Amino acid sequence: MTKHHTNFPLEVDSRLVRGLQVLILISIKLLACLMALVIIWSVIDVTYIIYQKALNPPFLLVNIEEVLTTFGAFLVVLIAIEIFLNIILYLRKDMSHLRLVVATALMAIARKVIILDYKETSPAHLWGIAGVIAALGLAYWLIHYTDQSQIDVDSSGERPA
């Protein structure tokens, strides 16, 4: 059997399983197309929001809430782009999928921190967010370190100290 997807096993005995693998591959490609449409739609929306804010009196003046709303809209588009890249890179085996997911989660929590209303947020909630950021940062570092160690082993044949 030819390998339809790099993350699927090479040998599959069942025609049903092979058919399902093809169905999943088609689904992934459909998700990528839909995500591209969402990104285009989001960019148009952000452009429209900025255009509206520039034309409404007082002209070219914004308050801090409008700036945070605009930043939030930008970051949503960037997160959508990250998700799109995750979908595309899911098709590749040589890519660390876990690293992509953790990086996307870090971007999403960073967006939350940037647009967070600190006056309305409890200290417990802030500590929770800090814990999530620390855990994701540590996970990303460990994944990066492990990937680098594997590259070093592959190139030299020895494990780094």
C-alpha atoms as a PDB file:
ATOM      1  CA  MET A   1       0.000   0.000   0.000  1.00  0.00           C
ATOM      2  CA  THR A   2       1.205   3.507  -0.695  1.00  0.00           C
ATOM      3  CA  LYS A   3       1.413   5.742   2.267  1.00  0.00           C
ATOM      4  CA  HIS A   4      -1.315   8.408   2.004  1.00  0.00           C
ATOM      5  CA  HIS A   5      -0.396  10.281   5.137  1.00  0.00           C
ATOM      6  CA  THR A   6       2.952  10.415   6.880  1.00  0.00           C
ATOM      7  CA  ASN A   7       1.433   9.863  10.321  1.00  0.00           C
ATOM      8  CA  PHE A   8      -0.422   6.714   9.286  1.00  0.00           C
ATOM      9  CA  PRO A   9       1.203   3.282   9.518  1.00  0.00           C
ATOM     10  CA  LEU A  10       2.910   1.908   6.427  1.00  0.00           C
ATOM     11  CA  GLU A  11       1.203  -1.476   6.462  1.00  0.00           C
ATOM     12  CA  VAL A  12      -2.550  -1.709   6.840  1.00  0.00           C
ATOM     13  CA  ASP A  13      -4.387  -4.956   6.153  1.00  0.00           C
ATOM     14  CA  SER A  14      -7.920  -3.617   6.025  1.00  0.00           C
ATOM     15  CA  ARG A  15      -9.447  -1.827   3.034  1.00  0.00           C
ATOM     16  CA  LEU A  16     -11.766  -0.098   5.500  1.00  0.00           C
ATOM     17  CA  VAL A  17      -8.848   1.371   7.447  1.00  0.00           C
ATOM     18  CA  ARG A  18      -7.159   2.499   4.217  1.00  0.00           C
ATOM     19  CA  GLY A  19     -10.393   4.149   3.108  1.00  0.00           C
ATOM     20  CA  LEU A  20     -10.722   5.877   6.465  1.00  0.00           C
ATOM     21  CA  GLN A  21      -7.139   7.136   6.189  1.00  0.00           C
ATOM     22  CA  VAL A  22      -7.961   8.703   2.823  1.00  0.00           C
ATOM     23  CA  LEU A  23     -11.131  10.217   4.324  1.00  0.00           C
ATOM     24  CA  ILE A  24      -9.108  11.741   7.163  1.00  0.00           C
ATOM     25  CA  LEU A  25      -6.561  13.156   4.709  1.00  0.00           C
ATOM     26  CA  ILE A  26      -9.368  14.750   2.685  1.00  0.00           C
ATOM     27  CA  SER A  27     -10.856  16.131   5.917  1.00  0.00           C
ATOM     28  CA  ILE A  28      -7.530  17.706   6.888  1.00  0.00           C
ATOM     29  CA  LYS A  29      -7.253  19.376   3.486  1.00  0.00           C
ATOM     30  CA  LEU A  30     -10.851  20.619   3.751  1.00  0.00           C
ATOM     31  CA  LEU A  31     -10.098  22.043   7.206  1.00  0.00           C
ATOM     32  CA  ALA A  32      -7.069  23.856   5.768  1.00  0.00           C
ATOM     33  CA  CYS A  33      -9.230  25.416   3.033  1.00  0.00           C
ATOM     34  CA  LEU A  34     -11.906  26.455   5.534  1.00  0.00           C
ATOM     35  CA  MET A  35      -9.293  27.921   7.870  1.00  0.00           C
ATOM     36  CA  ALA A  36      -7.829  29.950   4.990  1.00  0.00           C
ATOM     37  CA  LEU A  37     -11.304  31.385   4.370  1.00  0.00           C
ATOM     38  CA  VAL A  38     -11.687  32.224   8.068  1.00  0.00           C
ATOM     39  CA  ILE A  39      -8.307  33.996   8.031  1.00  0.00           C
ATOM     40  CA  ILE A  40      -9.229  36.054   4.962  1.00  0.00           C
ATOM     41  CA  TRP A  41     -12.593  36.913   6.521  1.00  0.00           C
ATOM     42  CA  SER A  42     -10.875  37.911   9.783  1.00  0.00           C
ATOM     43  CA  VAL A  43      -8.344  40.146   8.019  1.00  0.00           C
ATOM     44  CA  ILE A  44     -11.184  41.892   6.184  1.00  0.00           C
ATOM     45  CA  ASP A  45     -13.004  42.325   9.510  1.00  0.00           C
ATOM     46  CA  VAL A  46      -9.941  43.800  11.250  1.00  0.00           C
ATOM     47  CA  THR A  47      -9.391  46.145   8.304  1.00  0.00           C
ATOM     48  CA  TYR A  48     -13.023  47.262   8.499  1.00  0.00           C
ATOM     49  CA  ILE A  49     -12.785  47.841  12.275  1.00  0.00           C
ATOM     50  CA  ILE A  50      -9.687  50.022  11.853  1.00  0.00           C
ATOM     51  CA  TYR A  51     -11.313  51.887   8.957  1.00  0.00           C
ATOM     52  CA  GLN A  52     -14.434  52.571  11.052  1.00  0.00           C
ATOM     53  CA  LYS A  53     -12.388  53.781  14.032  1.00  0.00           C
ATOM     54  CA  ALA A  54     -10.371  56.112  11.799  1.00  0.00           C
ATOM     55  CA  LEU A  55     -13.489  57.722  10.306  1.00  0.00           C
ATOM     56  CA  ASN A  56     -15.616  58.109  13.442  1.00  0.00           C
ATOM     57  CA  PRO A  57     -15.298  61.340  15.431  1.00  0.00           C
ATOM     58  CA  PRO A  58     -12.966  62.155  17.049  1.00  0.00           C
ATOM     59  CA  PHE A  59     -10.987  61.405  13.909  1.00  0.00           C
ATOM     60  CA  LEU A  60      -7.845  59.281  14.290  1.00  0.00           C
ATOM     61  CA  LEU A  61      -8.124  59.347  18.096  1.00  0.00           C
ATOM     62  CA  VAL A  62      -8.690  56.158  20.043  1.00  0.00           C
ATOM     63  CA  ASN A  63      -8.964  55.346  23.710  1.00  0.00           C
ATOM     64  CA  ILE A  64      -7.199  52.493  25.464  1.00  0.00           C
ATOM     65  CA  GLU A  65     -10.211  50.159  25.243  1.00  0.00           C
ATOM     66  CA  GLU A  66     -10.349  50.586  21.458  1.00  0.00           C
ATOM     67  CA  VAL A  67      -6.618  49.904  21.200  1.00  0.00           C
ATOM     68  CA  LEU A  68      -6.996  46.725  23.276  1.00  0.00           C
ATOM     69  CA  THR A  69      -9.976  45.631  21.174  1.00  0.00           C
ATOM     70  CA  THR A  70      -7.938  46.177  18.012  1.00  0.00           C
ATOM     71  CA  PHE A  71      -4.960  44.277  19.471  1.00  0.00           C
ATOM     72  CA  GLY A  72      -7.320  41.465  20.396  1.00  0.00           C
ATOM     73  CA  ALA A  73      -8.646  41.321  16.836  1.00  0.00           C
ATOM     74  CA  PHE A  74      -5.092  41.228  15.443  1.00  0.00           C
ATOM     75  CA  LEU A  75      -4.102  38.457  17.815  1.00  0.00           C
ATOM     76  CA  VAL A  76      -7.171  36.407  16.904  1.00  0.00           C
ATOM     77  CA  VAL A  77      -6.042  36.563  13.263  1.00  0.00           C
ATOM     78  CA  LEU A  78      -2.514  35.521  14.260  1.00  0.00           C
ATOM     79  CA  ILE A  79      -3.889  32.601  16.287  1.00  0.00           C
ATOM     80  CA  ALA A  80      -6.017  31.563  13.303  1.00  0.00           C
ATOM     81  CA  ILE A  81      -2.869  31.617  11.162  1.00  0.00           C
ATOM     82  CA  GLU A  82      -1.083  29.446  13.745  1.00  0.00           C
ATOM     83  CA  ILE A  83      -3.965  26.966  13.697  1.00  0.00           C
ATOM     84  CA  PHE A  84      -3.827  26.934   9.884  1.00  0.00           C
ATOM     85  CA  LEU A  85      -0.097  26.182  10.043  1.00  0.00           C
ATOM     86  CA  ASN A  86      -0.802  23.401  12.549  1.00  0.00           C
ATOM     87  CA  ILE A  87      -3.286  21.864  10.118  1.00  0.00           C
ATOM     88  CA  ILE A  88      -0.836  22.086   7.205  1.00  0.00           C
ATOM     89  CA  LEU A  89       2.147  20.869   9.210  1.00  0.00           C
ATOM     90  CA  TYR A  90       0.088  17.991  10.591  1.00  0.00           C
ATOM     91  CA  LEU A  91       0.597  16.416   7.181  1.00  0.00           C
ATOM     92  CA  ARG A  92       4.368  16.325   7.744  1.00  0.00           C
ATOM     93  CA  LYS A  93       6.016  13.704   9.907  1.00  0.00           C
ATOM     94  CA  ASP A  94       9.338  15.502  10.349  1.00  0.00           C
ATOM     95  CA  MET A  95       7.637  18.269  12.322  1.00  0.00           C
ATOM     96  CA  SER A  96       7.080  18.146  16.078  1.00  0.00           C
ATOM     97  CA  HIS A  97       3.301  18.445  16.328  1.00  0.00           C
ATOM     98  CA  LEU A  98       3.432  18.839  20.087  1.00  0.00           C
ATOM     99  CA  ARG A  99       5.706  21.864  19.742  1.00  0.00           C
ATOM    100  CA  LEU A 100       3.236  23.525  17.354  1.00  0.00           C
ATOM    101  CA  VAL A 101       0.294  22.906  19.646  1.00  0.00           C
ATOM    102  CA  VAL A 102       2.148  24.281  22.680  1.00  0.00           C
ATOM    103  CA  ALA A 103       3.314  27.332  20.691  1.00  0.00           C
ATOM    104  CA  THR A 104      -0.263  28.006  19.586  1.00  0.00           C
ATOM    105  CA  ALA A 105      -1.476  27.658  23.172  1.00  0.00           C
ATOM    106  CA  LEU A 106       1.213  30.118  24.298  1.00  0.00           C
ATOM    107  CA  MET A 107       0.056  32.611  21.678  1.00  0.00           C
ATOM    108  CA  ALA A 108      -3.570  32.195  22.753  1.00  0.00           C
ATOM    109  CA  ILE A 109      -2.775  32.734  26.444  1.00  0.00           C
ATOM    110  CA  ALA A 110      -0.589  35.732  25.513  1.00  0.00           C
ATOM    111  CA  ARG A 111      -3.597  37.216  23.712  1.00  0.00           C
ATOM    112  CA  LYS A 112      -5.675  36.662  26.847  1.00  0.00           C
ATOM    113  CA  VAL A 113      -3.070  38.417  29.002  1.00  0.00           C
ATOM    114  CA  ILE A 114      -2.847  41.380  26.626  1.00  0.00           C
ATOM    115  CA  ILE A 115      -6.597  42.019  26.485  1.00  0.00           C
ATOM    116  CA  LEU A 116      -7.339  41.053  30.096  1.00  0.00           C
ATOM    117  CA  ASP A 117      -9.182  43.630  32.209  1.00  0.00           C
ATOM    118  CA  TYR A 118      -7.094  43.545  35.365  1.00  0.00           C
ATOM    119  CA  LYS A 119      -9.651  45.547  37.350  1.00  0.00           C
ATOM    120  CA  GLU A 120     -12.253  42.824  36.859  1.00  0.00           C
ATOM    121  CA  THR A 121      -9.939  39.822  37.289  1.00  0.00           C
ATOM    122  CA  SER A 122      -9.452  38.098  40.624  1.00  0.00           C
ATOM    123  CA  PRO A 123      -5.961  37.363  41.950  1.00  0.00           C
ATOM    124  CA  ALA A 124      -6.748  33.636  41.850  1.00  0.00           C
ATOM    125  CA  HIS A 125      -7.530  33.919  38.140  1.00  0.00           C
ATOM    126  CA  LEU A 126      -4.254  35.778  37.539  1.00  0.00           C
ATOM    127  CA  TRP A 127      -2.321  33.103  39.444  1.00  0.00           C
ATOM    128  CA  GLY A 128      -4.045  30.464  37.352  1.00  0.00           C
ATOM    129  CA  ILE A 129      -3.053  32.218  34.134  1.00  0.00           C
ATOM    130  CA  ALA A 130       0.512  32.572  35.446  1.00  0.00           C
ATOM    131  CA  GLY A 131       0.575  28.837  36.172  1.00  0.00           C
ATOM    132  CA  VAL A 132      -0.648  28.003  32.679  1.00  0.00           C
ATOM    133  CA  ILE A 133       1.981  30.294  31.137  1.00  0.00           C
ATOM    134  CA  ALA A 134       4.740  28.755  33.272  1.00  0.00           C
ATOM    135  CA  ALA A 135       3.623  25.213  32.423  1.00  0.00           C
ATOM    136  CA  LEU A 136       3.359  25.951  28.699  1.00  0.00           C
ATOM    137  CA  GLY A 137       6.712  27.755  28.703  1.00  0.00           C
ATOM    138  CA  LEU A 138       8.386  24.832  30.464  1.00  0.00           C
ATOM    139  CA  ALA A 139       6.719  22.360  28.098  1.00  0.00           C
ATOM    140  CA  TYR A 140       7.869  24.344  25.069  1.00  0.00           C
ATOM    141  CA  TRP A 141      11.417  24.551  26.408  1.00  0.00           C
ATOM    142  CA  LEU A 142      11.487  20.800  27.152  1.00  0.00           C
ATOM    143  CA  ILE A 143      10.142  19.966  23.694  1.00  0.00           C
ATOM    144  CA  HIS A 144      12.700  22.291  22.079  1.00  0.00           C
ATOM    145  CA  TYR A 145      15.527  20.836  24.194  1.00  0.00           C
ATOM    146  CA  THR A 146      14.461  17.282  23.345  1.00  0.00           C
ATOM    147  CA  ASP A 147      14.238  18.108  19.633  1.00  0.00           C
ATOM    148  CA  GLN A 148      17.705  19.724  19.733  1.00  0.00           C
ATOM    149  CA  SER A 149      19.131  16.730  21.614  1.00  0.00           C
ATOM    150  CA  GLN A 150      17.693  14.397  18.989  1.00  0.00           C
ATOM    151  CA  ILE A 151      19.234  16.496  16.202  1.00  0.00           C
ATOM    152  CA  ASP A 152      22.607  16.371  17.993  1.00  0.00           C
ATOM    153  CA  VAL A 153      22.338  12.577  18.401  1.00  0.00           C
ATOM    154  CA  ASP A 154      21.373  12.101  14.760  1.00  0.00           C
ATOM    155  CA  SER A 155      24.288  14.178  13.481  1.00  0.00           C
ATOM    156  CA  SER A 156      27.048  12.927  15.800  1.00  0.00           C
ATOM    157  CA  GLY A 157      25.833   9.500  16.837  1.00  0.00           C
ATOM    158  CA  GLU A 158      26.367  10.399  20.509  1.00  0.00           C
ATOM    159  CA  ARG A 159      24.002  11.770  23.118  1.00  0.00           C
ATOM    160  CA  PRO A 160      24.900  15.292  24.335  1.00  0.00           C
ATOM    161  CA  ALA A 161      25.971  15.705  27.968  1.00  0.00           C
END
